[in-house]
Amino acid sequence: MDTFKCPKCGKTTSSIEKFCINCGEPLDIYCPECGDKWRFMFEYKFCPSCGHNMKKENTQGKRTSNK
């Protein structure tokens, strides 16, 4: 099972989690250009769907709770 660090608190969490188990931060992020949803997109430099530069002008995409 893959693990990642939460972008908010740094706690290691499983790739299957939708929220950080430590701080509750949503881990699904939407590309601001095309709207596609990606898990752990904060680690990406470019959107895999449209190529949008996720690091340009501090754009990190929009986190959502998807409740």
C-alpha atoms as a PDB file:
ATOM      1  CA  MET A   1       0.000   0.000   0.000  1.00  0.00           C
ATOM      2  CA  ASP A   2       1.320   3.443  -0.948  1.00  0.00           C
ATOM      3  CA  THR A   3       1.681   6.125   1.690  1.00  0.00           C
ATOM      4  CA  PHE A   4       1.970   9.902   1.414  1.00  0.00           C
ATOM      5  CA  LYS A   5       2.546  12.825   3.738  1.00  0.00           C
ATOM      6  CA  CYS A   6      -0.341  15.183   4.412  1.00  0.00           C
ATOM      7  CA  PRO A   7       0.375  18.641   2.938  1.00  0.00           C
ATOM      8  CA  LYS A   8      -1.027  20.321   6.052  1.00  0.00           C
ATOM      9  CA  CYS A   9       0.386  18.409   9.034  1.00  0.00           C
ATOM     10  CA  GLY A  10       3.004  16.107   7.479  1.00  0.00           C
ATOM     11  CA  LYS A  11       1.537  12.919   8.983  1.00  0.00           C
ATOM     12  CA  THR A  12       1.993   9.803   6.843  1.00  0.00           C
ATOM     13  CA  THR A  13      -1.336   8.533   5.552  1.00  0.00           C
ATOM     14  CA  SER A  14      -2.509   5.705   3.318  1.00  0.00           C
ATOM     15  CA  SER A  15      -3.233   6.355  -0.349  1.00  0.00           C
ATOM     16  CA  ILE A  16      -6.750   4.970   0.130  1.00  0.00           C
ATOM     17  CA  GLU A  17      -7.738   7.622   2.692  1.00  0.00           C
ATOM     18  CA  LYS A  18      -9.869  10.584   1.560  1.00  0.00           C
ATOM     19  CA  PHE A  19      -8.887  12.676   4.580  1.00  0.00           C
ATOM     20  CA  CYS A  20      -5.747  12.904   6.691  1.00  0.00           C
ATOM     21  CA  ILE A  21      -6.153  10.646   9.719  1.00  0.00           C
ATOM     22  CA  ASN A  22      -4.342  13.194  11.902  1.00  0.00           C
ATOM     23  CA  CYS A  23      -5.778  16.615  10.968  1.00  0.00           C
ATOM     24  CA  GLY A  24      -8.754  15.872   8.694  1.00  0.00           C
ATOM     25  CA  GLU A  25      -7.313  17.701   5.648  1.00  0.00           C
ATOM     26  CA  PRO A  26      -9.090  16.612   2.413  1.00  0.00           C
ATOM     27  CA  LEU A  27      -6.663  14.695   0.183  1.00  0.00           C
ATOM     28  CA  ASP A  28      -8.651  14.897  -3.075  1.00  0.00           C
ATOM     29  CA  ILE A  29      -7.709  17.984  -5.086  1.00  0.00           C
ATOM     30  CA  TYR A  30      -9.303  19.405  -8.223  1.00  0.00           C
ATOM     31  CA  CYS A  31      -7.278  20.983 -11.023  1.00  0.00           C
ATOM     32  CA  PRO A  32      -8.285  24.667 -11.297  1.00  0.00           C
ATOM     33  CA  GLU A  33      -7.988  24.509 -15.103  1.00  0.00           C
ATOM     34  CA  CYS A  34      -9.886  21.352 -16.141  1.00  0.00           C
ATOM     35  CA  GLY A  35     -11.605  20.343 -12.890  1.00  0.00           C
ATOM     36  CA  ASP A  36     -10.348  16.748 -12.857  1.00  0.00           C
ATOM     37  CA  LYS A  37      -9.988  15.196  -9.411  1.00  0.00           C
ATOM     38  CA  TRP A  38      -6.724  13.653  -8.310  1.00  0.00           C
ATOM     39  CA  ARG A  39      -5.631  12.189  -5.021  1.00  0.00           C
ATOM     40  CA  PHE A  40      -2.437  13.732  -3.635  1.00  0.00           C
ATOM     41  CA  MET A  41      -2.201  16.212  -6.516  1.00  0.00           C
ATOM     42  CA  PHE A  42      -0.191  18.525  -4.242  1.00  0.00           C
ATOM     43  CA  GLU A  43       2.821  16.389  -5.185  1.00  0.00           C
ATOM     44  CA  TYR A  44       2.277  16.993  -8.924  1.00  0.00           C
ATOM     45  CA  LYS A  45       3.909  19.821 -10.863  1.00  0.00           C
ATOM     46  CA  PHE A  46       1.451  19.469 -13.754  1.00  0.00           C
ATOM     47  CA  CYS A  47      -2.103  18.146 -14.033  1.00  0.00           C
ATOM     48  CA  PRO A  48      -2.034  14.663 -15.638  1.00  0.00           C
ATOM     49  CA  SER A  49      -5.211  15.445 -17.632  1.00  0.00           C
ATOM     50  CA  CYS A  50      -4.637  18.892 -19.111  1.00  0.00           C
ATOM     51  CA  GLY A  51      -1.006  19.773 -18.358  1.00  0.00           C
ATOM     52  CA  HIS A  52      -1.899  22.816 -16.228  1.00  0.00           C
ATOM     53  CA  ASN A  53       1.141  24.022 -14.265  1.00  0.00           C
ATOM     54  CA  MET A  54       0.085  23.329 -10.671  1.00  0.00           C
ATOM     55  CA  LYS A  55       3.082  25.207  -9.231  1.00  0.00           C
ATOM     56  CA  LYS A  56       2.632  28.396 -11.292  1.00  0.00           C
ATOM     57  CA  GLU A  57       1.713  31.397  -9.150  1.00  0.00           C
ATOM     58  CA  ASN A  58       1.339  29.122  -6.098  1.00  0.00           C
ATOM     59  CA  THR A  59      -1.676  27.386  -7.645  1.00  0.00           C
ATOM     60  CA  GLN A  60      -2.174  24.135  -5.781  1.00  0.00           C
ATOM     61  CA  GLY A  61      -5.634  23.205  -6.959  1.00  0.00           C
ATOM     62  CA  LYS A  62      -8.789  23.246  -4.901  1.00  0.00           C
ATOM     63  CA  ARG A  63      -9.131  20.803  -2.047  1.00  0.00           C
ATOM     64  CA  THR A  64     -12.599  19.509  -1.426  1.00  0.00           C
ATOM     65  CA  SER A  65     -14.201  17.378   1.217  1.00  0.00           C
ATOM     66  CA  ASN A  66     -16.528  15.609  -1.263  1.00  0.00           C
ATOM     67  CA  LYS A  67     -19.028  15.041   1.548  1.00  0.00           C
END
